[in-house]
């Protein structure tokens, strides 16, 4: 169980870094397009998906 928890934390960190990088890229693009509202929506959608993914991982292992 401990190993699984550790795995989940490391995976989660990787996902978060990935999301963070995506956000930066999107924000940079948004400055040119001027569509920050759209970016926020997309980011939220992406975060929800990530949360769901983590939840499903936990369910799969228990």
PDB file of N, CA and C in Angstrom:
ATOM      1  N   UNK A   1       0.841  -1.207   0.000  1.00  0.00           N
ATOM      2  CA  UNK A   1       0.000   0.000   0.000  1.00  0.00           C
ATOM      3  C   UNK A   1       0.874   1.254   0.000  1.00  0.00           C
ATOM      4  N   UNK A   2       1.933   1.224   0.776  1.00  0.00           N
ATOM      5  CA  UNK A   2       2.820   2.383   0.865  1.00  0.00           C
ATOM      6  C   UNK A   2       3.468   2.670  -0.482  1.00  0.00           C
ATOM      7  N   UNK A   3       3.884   1.603  -1.148  1.00  0.00           N
ATOM      8  CA  UNK A   3       4.521   1.757  -2.466  1.00  0.00           C
ATOM      9  C   UNK A   3       3.531   2.403  -3.426  1.00  0.00           C
ATOM     10  N   UNK A   4       2.294   1.914  -3.392  1.00  0.00           N
ATOM     11  CA  UNK A   4       1.259   2.475  -4.264  1.00  0.00           C
ATOM     12  C   UNK A   4       1.057   3.964  -3.997  1.00  0.00           C
ATOM     13  N   UNK A   5       1.000   4.337  -2.726  1.00  0.00           N
ATOM     14  CA  UNK A   5       0.813   5.744  -2.359  1.00  0.00           C
ATOM     15  C   UNK A   5       1.954   6.585  -2.895  1.00  0.00           C
ATOM     16  N   UNK A   6       3.164   6.065  -2.727  1.00  0.00           N
ATOM     17  CA  UNK A   6       4.350   6.770  -3.227  1.00  0.00           C
ATOM     18  C   UNK A   6       4.257   6.945  -4.734  1.00  0.00           C
ATOM     19  N   UNK A   7       3.854   5.873  -5.413  1.00  0.00           N
ATOM     20  CA  UNK A   7       3.688   5.899  -6.869  1.00  0.00           C
ATOM     21  C   UNK A   7       2.688   6.982  -7.264  1.00  0.00           C
ATOM     22  N   UNK A   8       1.588   7.028  -6.538  1.00  0.00           N
ATOM     23  CA  UNK A   8       0.533   7.991  -6.835  1.00  0.00           C
ATOM     24  C   UNK A   8       1.034   9.421  -6.672  1.00  0.00           C
ATOM     25  N   UNK A   9       1.787   9.656  -5.599  1.00  0.00           N
ATOM     26  CA  UNK A   9       2.305  10.999  -5.345  1.00  0.00           C
ATOM     27  C   UNK A   9       3.264  11.420  -6.453  1.00  0.00           C
ATOM     28  N   UNK A  10       4.151  10.514  -6.848  1.00  0.00           N
ATOM     29  CA  UNK A  10       5.115  10.856  -7.906  1.00  0.00           C
ATOM     30  C   UNK A  10       4.392  11.086  -9.223  1.00  0.00           C
ATOM     31  N   UNK A  11       3.402  10.234  -9.506  1.00  0.00           N
ATOM     32  CA  UNK A  11       2.619  10.394 -10.729  1.00  0.00           C
ATOM     33  C   UNK A  11       1.906  11.742 -10.725  1.00  0.00           C
ATOM     34  N   UNK A  12       1.308  12.053  -9.580  1.00  0.00           N
ATOM     35  CA  UNK A  12       0.565  13.286  -9.425  1.00  0.00           C
ATOM     36  C   UNK A  12       1.470  14.488  -9.680  1.00  0.00           C
ATOM     37  N   UNK A  13       2.675  14.443  -9.134  1.00  0.00           N
ATOM     38  CA  UNK A  13       3.634  15.533  -9.316  1.00  0.00           C
ATOM     39  C   UNK A  13       3.971  15.693 -10.795  1.00  0.00           C
ATOM     40  N   UNK A  14       4.163  14.572 -11.472  1.00  0.00           N
ATOM     41  CA  UNK A  14       4.486  14.604 -12.899  1.00  0.00           C
ATOM     42  C   UNK A  14       3.334  15.236 -13.667  1.00  0.00           C
ATOM     43  N   UNK A  15       2.123  14.809 -13.347  1.00  0.00           N
ATOM     44  CA  UNK A  15       0.939  15.363 -14.002  1.00  0.00           C
ATOM     45  C   UNK A  15       0.853  16.866 -13.780  1.00  0.00           C
ATOM     46  N   UNK A  16       1.108  17.274 -12.534  1.00  0.00           N
ATOM     47  CA  UNK A  16       0.991  18.684 -12.205  1.00  0.00           C
ATOM     48  C   UNK A  16       2.011  19.513 -12.984  1.00  0.00           C
ATOM     49  N   UNK A  17       3.228  19.015 -13.064  1.00  0.00           N
ATOM     50  CA  UNK A  17       4.264  19.720 -13.824  1.00  0.00           C
ATOM     51  C   UNK A  17       3.839  19.839 -15.277  1.00  0.00           C
ATOM     52  N   UNK A  18       3.284  18.761 -15.795  1.00  0.00           N
ATOM     53  CA  UNK A  18       2.820  18.718 -17.178  1.00  0.00           C
ATOM     54  C   UNK A  18       1.737  19.774 -17.401  1.00  0.00           C
ATOM     55  N   UNK A  19       0.767  19.828 -16.492  1.00  0.00           N
ATOM     56  CA  UNK A  19      -0.318  20.812 -16.572  1.00  0.00           C
ATOM     57  C   UNK A  19       0.254  22.221 -16.512  1.00  0.00           C
ATOM     58  N   UNK A  20       1.207  22.402 -15.619  1.00  0.00           N
ATOM     59  CA  UNK A  20       1.808  23.706 -15.408  1.00  0.00           C
ATOM     60  C   UNK A  20       2.488  24.191 -16.683  1.00  0.00           C
ATOM     61  N   UNK A  21       3.222  23.302 -17.315  1.00  0.00           N
ATOM     62  CA  UNK A  21       3.909  23.633 -18.568  1.00  0.00           C
ATOM     63  C   UNK A  21       2.880  24.006 -19.631  1.00  0.00           C
ATOM     64  N   UNK A  22       1.808  23.229 -19.693  1.00  0.00           N
ATOM     65  CA  UNK A  22       0.736  23.495 -20.656  1.00  0.00           C
ATOM     66  C   UNK A  22       0.146  24.880 -20.432  1.00  0.00           C
ATOM     67  N   UNK A  23      -0.099  25.202 -19.180  1.00  0.00           N
ATOM     68  CA  UNK A  23      -0.681  26.496 -18.830  1.00  0.00           C
ATOM     69  C   UNK A  23       0.207  27.621 -19.327  1.00  0.00           C
ATOM     70  N   UNK A  24       1.503  27.473 -19.106  1.00  0.00           N
ATOM     71  CA  UNK A  24       2.432  28.509 -19.544  1.00  0.00           C
ATOM     72  C   UNK A  24       2.387  28.693 -21.048  1.00  0.00           C
ATOM     73  N   UNK A  25       2.379  27.592 -21.765  1.00  0.00           N
ATOM     74  CA  UNK A  25       2.334  27.664 -23.220  1.00  0.00           C
ATOM     75  C   UNK A  25       1.050  28.343 -23.673  1.00  0.00           C
ATOM     76  N   UNK A  26      -0.052  27.937 -23.050  1.00  0.00           N
ATOM     77  CA  UNK A  26      -1.348  28.504 -23.409  1.00  0.00           C
ATOM     78  C   UNK A  26      -1.398  29.995 -23.097  1.00  0.00           C
ATOM     79  N   UNK A  27      -0.867  30.372 -21.937  1.00  0.00           N
ATOM     80  CA  UNK A  27      -0.897  31.777 -21.527  1.00  0.00           C
ATOM     81  C   UNK A  27      -0.106  32.620 -22.512  1.00  0.00           C
ATOM     82  N   UNK A  28       1.045  32.110 -22.912  1.00  0.00           N
ATOM     83  CA  UNK A  28       1.881  32.835 -23.859  1.00  0.00           C
ATOM     84  C   UNK A  28       1.100  33.057 -25.153  1.00  0.00           C
ATOM     85  N   UNK A  29       0.394  32.019 -25.581  1.00  0.00           N
ATOM     86  CA  UNK A  29      -0.411  32.095 -26.796  1.00  0.00           C
ATOM     87  C   UNK A  29      -1.560  33.093 -26.587  1.00  0.00           C
ATOM     88  N   UNK A  30      -2.140  33.059 -25.400  1.00  0.00           N
ATOM     89  CA  UNK A  30      -3.293  33.909 -25.101  1.00  0.00           C
ATOM     90  C   UNK A  30      -2.931  35.386 -25.189  1.00  0.00           C
ATOM     91  N   UNK A  31      -1.706  35.719 -24.800  1.00  0.00           N
ATOM     92  CA  UNK A  31      -1.292  37.122 -24.848  1.00  0.00           C
ATOM     93  C   UNK A  31      -1.369  37.645 -26.272  1.00  0.00           C
ATOM     94  N   UNK A  32      -1.109  36.755 -27.214  1.00  0.00           N
ATOM     95  CA  UNK A  32      -1.177  37.158 -28.618  1.00  0.00           C
ATOM     96  C   UNK A  32      -2.623  37.172 -29.107  1.00  0.00           C
ATOM     97  N   UNK A  33      -3.377  36.167 -28.688  1.00  0.00           N
ATOM     98  CA  UNK A  33      -4.760  36.046 -29.153  1.00  0.00           C
ATOM     99  C   UNK A  33      -5.734  36.898 -28.350  1.00  0.00           C
ATOM    100  N   UNK A  34      -5.387  37.137 -27.094  1.00  0.00           N
ATOM    101  CA  UNK A  34      -6.278  37.897 -26.219  1.00  0.00           C
ATOM    102  C   UNK A  34      -7.500  37.100 -25.809  1.00  0.00           C
ATOM    103  N   UNK A  35      -7.329  35.800 -25.604  1.00  0.00           N
ATOM    104  CA  UNK A  35      -8.465  34.951 -25.226  1.00  0.00           C
ATOM    105  C   UNK A  35      -8.198  34.266 -23.887  1.00  0.00           C
ATOM    106  N   UNK A  36      -7.957  35.067 -22.872  1.00  0.00           N
ATOM    107  CA  UNK A  36      -7.623  34.504 -21.567  1.00  0.00           C
ATOM    108  C   UNK A  36      -8.787  33.763 -20.926  1.00  0.00           C
ATOM    109  N   UNK A  37      -9.998  34.224 -21.188  1.00  0.00           N
ATOM    110  CA  UNK A  37     -11.180  33.582 -20.610  1.00  0.00           C
ATOM    111  C   UNK A  37     -11.261  32.131 -21.080  1.00  0.00           C
ATOM    112  N   UNK A  38     -11.035  31.951 -22.360  1.00  0.00           N
ATOM    113  CA  UNK A  38     -11.045  30.610 -22.956  1.00  0.00           C
ATOM    114  C   UNK A  38      -9.970  29.729 -22.318  1.00  0.00           C
ATOM    115  N   UNK A  39      -8.809  30.307 -22.100  1.00  0.00           N
ATOM    116  CA  UNK A  39      -7.700  29.578 -21.482  1.00  0.00           C
ATOM    117  C   UNK A  39      -8.107  29.077 -20.096  1.00  0.00           C
ATOM    118  N   UNK A  40      -8.745  29.948 -19.318  1.00  0.00           N
ATOM    119  CA  UNK A  40      -9.173  29.580 -17.963  1.00  0.00           C
ATOM    120  C   UNK A  40     -10.133  28.394 -18.007  1.00  0.00           C
ATOM    121  N   UNK A  41     -11.074  28.429 -18.941  1.00  0.00           N
ATOM    122  CA  UNK A  41     -12.032  27.329 -19.093  1.00  0.00           C
ATOM    123  C   UNK A  41     -11.301  26.032 -19.405  1.00  0.00           C
ATOM    124  N   UNK A  42     -10.398  26.110 -20.364  1.00  0.00           N
ATOM    125  CA  UNK A  42      -9.645  24.930 -20.785  1.00  0.00           C
ATOM    126  C   UNK A  42      -8.824  24.375 -19.630  1.00  0.00           C
ATOM    127  N   UNK A  43      -8.196  25.273 -18.884  1.00  0.00           N
ATOM    128  CA  UNK A  43      -7.354  24.867 -17.758  1.00  0.00           C
ATOM    129  C   UNK A  43      -8.206  24.130 -16.724  1.00  0.00           C
ATOM    130  N   UNK A  44      -9.391  24.681 -16.446  1.00  0.00           N
ATOM    131  CA  UNK A  44     -10.278  24.056 -15.471  1.00  0.00           C
ATOM    132  C   UNK A  44     -10.684  22.664 -15.956  1.00  0.00           C
ATOM    133  N   UNK A  45     -11.042  22.566 -17.220  1.00  0.00           N
ATOM    134  CA  UNK A  45     -11.424  21.282 -17.799  1.00  0.00           C
ATOM    135  C   UNK A  45     -10.299  20.271 -17.631  1.00  0.00           C
ATOM    136  N   UNK A  46      -9.095  20.734 -17.906  1.00  0.00           N
ATOM    137  CA  UNK A  46      -7.909  19.886 -17.827  1.00  0.00           C
ATOM    138  C   UNK A  46      -7.670  19.426 -16.387  1.00  0.00           C
ATOM    139  N   UNK A  47      -7.855  20.347 -15.442  1.00  0.00           N
ATOM    140  CA  UNK A  47      -7.668  20.016 -14.028  1.00  0.00           C
ATOM    141  C   UNK A  47      -8.704  18.998 -13.563  1.00  0.00           C
ATOM    142  N   UNK A  48      -9.952  19.191 -14.005  1.00  0.00           N
ATOM    143  CA  UNK A  48     -11.014  18.255 -13.645  1.00  0.00           C
ATOM    144  C   UNK A  48     -10.681  16.855 -14.154  1.00  0.00           C
ATOM    145  N   UNK A  49     -10.180  16.817 -15.396  1.00  0.00           N
ATOM    146  CA  UNK A  49      -9.826  15.546 -16.001  1.00  0.00           C
ATOM    147  C   UNK A  49      -8.713  14.874 -15.202  1.00  0.00           C
ATOM    148  N   UNK A  50      -7.749  15.663 -14.783  1.00  0.00           N
ATOM    149  CA  UNK A  50      -6.623  15.147 -13.997  1.00  0.00           C
ATOM    150  C   UNK A  50      -7.124  14.595 -12.669  1.00  0.00           C
ATOM    151  N   UNK A  51      -8.020  15.335 -12.004  1.00  0.00           N
ATOM    152  CA  UNK A  51      -8.582  14.887 -10.729  1.00  0.00           C
ATOM    153  C   UNK A  51      -9.312  13.559 -10.910  1.00  0.00           C
ATOM    154  N   UNK A  52     -10.105  13.475 -11.969  1.00  0.00           N
ATOM    155  CA  UNK A  52     -10.846  12.253 -12.262  1.00  0.00           C
ATOM    156  C   UNK A  52      -9.879  11.094 -12.485  1.00  0.00           C
ATOM    157  N   UNK A  53      -8.811  11.376 -13.214  1.00  0.00           N
ATOM    158  CA  UNK A  53      -7.803  10.366 -13.529  1.00  0.00           C
ATOM    159  C   UNK A  53      -7.189   9.818 -12.244  1.00  0.00           C
ATOM    160  N   UNK A  54      -6.838  10.698 -11.339  1.00  0.00           N
ATOM    161  CA  UNK A  54      -6.236  10.298 -10.064  1.00  0.00           C
ATOM    162  C   UNK A  54      -7.239   9.473  -9.261  1.00  0.00           C
ATOM    163  N   UNK A  55      -8.481   9.921  -9.248  1.00  0.00           N
ATOM    164  CA  UNK A  55      -9.542   9.223  -8.522  1.00  0.00           C
ATOM    165  C   UNK A  55      -9.706   7.802  -9.062  1.00  0.00           C
ATOM    166  N   UNK A  56      -9.703   7.673 -10.387  1.00  0.00           N
ATOM    167  CA  UNK A  56      -9.846   6.364 -11.018  1.00  0.00           C
ATOM    168  C   UNK A  56      -8.663   5.466 -10.698  1.00  0.00           C
ATOM    169  N   UNK A  57      -7.474   6.046 -10.646  1.00  0.00           N
ATOM    170  CA  UNK A  57      -6.269   5.283 -10.291  1.00  0.00           C
ATOM    171  C   UNK A  57      -6.431   4.693  -8.895  1.00  0.00           C
ATOM    172  N   UNK A  58      -6.910   5.519  -7.969  1.00  0.00           N
ATOM    173  CA  UNK A  58      -7.090   5.073  -6.583  1.00  0.00           C
ATOM    174  C   UNK A  58      -8.116   3.939  -6.545  1.00  0.00           C
ATOM    175  N   UNK A  59      -9.228   4.125  -7.252  1.00  0.00           N
ATOM    176  CA  UNK A  59     -10.285   3.116  -7.269  1.00  0.00           C
ATOM    177  C   UNK A  59      -9.759   1.797  -7.838  1.00  0.00           C
ATOM    178  N   UNK A  60      -8.938   1.885  -8.866  1.00  0.00           N
ATOM    179  CA  UNK A  60      -8.403   0.693  -9.521  1.00  0.00           C
ATOM    180  C   UNK A  60      -7.506  -0.114  -8.587  1.00  0.00           C
ATOM    181  N   UNK A  61      -6.838   0.570  -7.667  1.00  0.00           N
ATOM    182  CA  UNK A  61      -5.876  -0.098  -6.800  1.00  0.00           C
ATOM    183  C   UNK A  61      -6.449  -0.557  -5.467  1.00  0.00           C
ATOM    184  N   UNK A  62      -7.688  -0.145  -5.156  1.00  0.00           N
ATOM    185  CA  UNK A  62      -8.234  -0.530  -3.845  1.00  0.00           C
ATOM    186  C   UNK A  62      -9.327  -1.571  -4.006  1.00  0.00           C
TER     187      UNK A  62
END
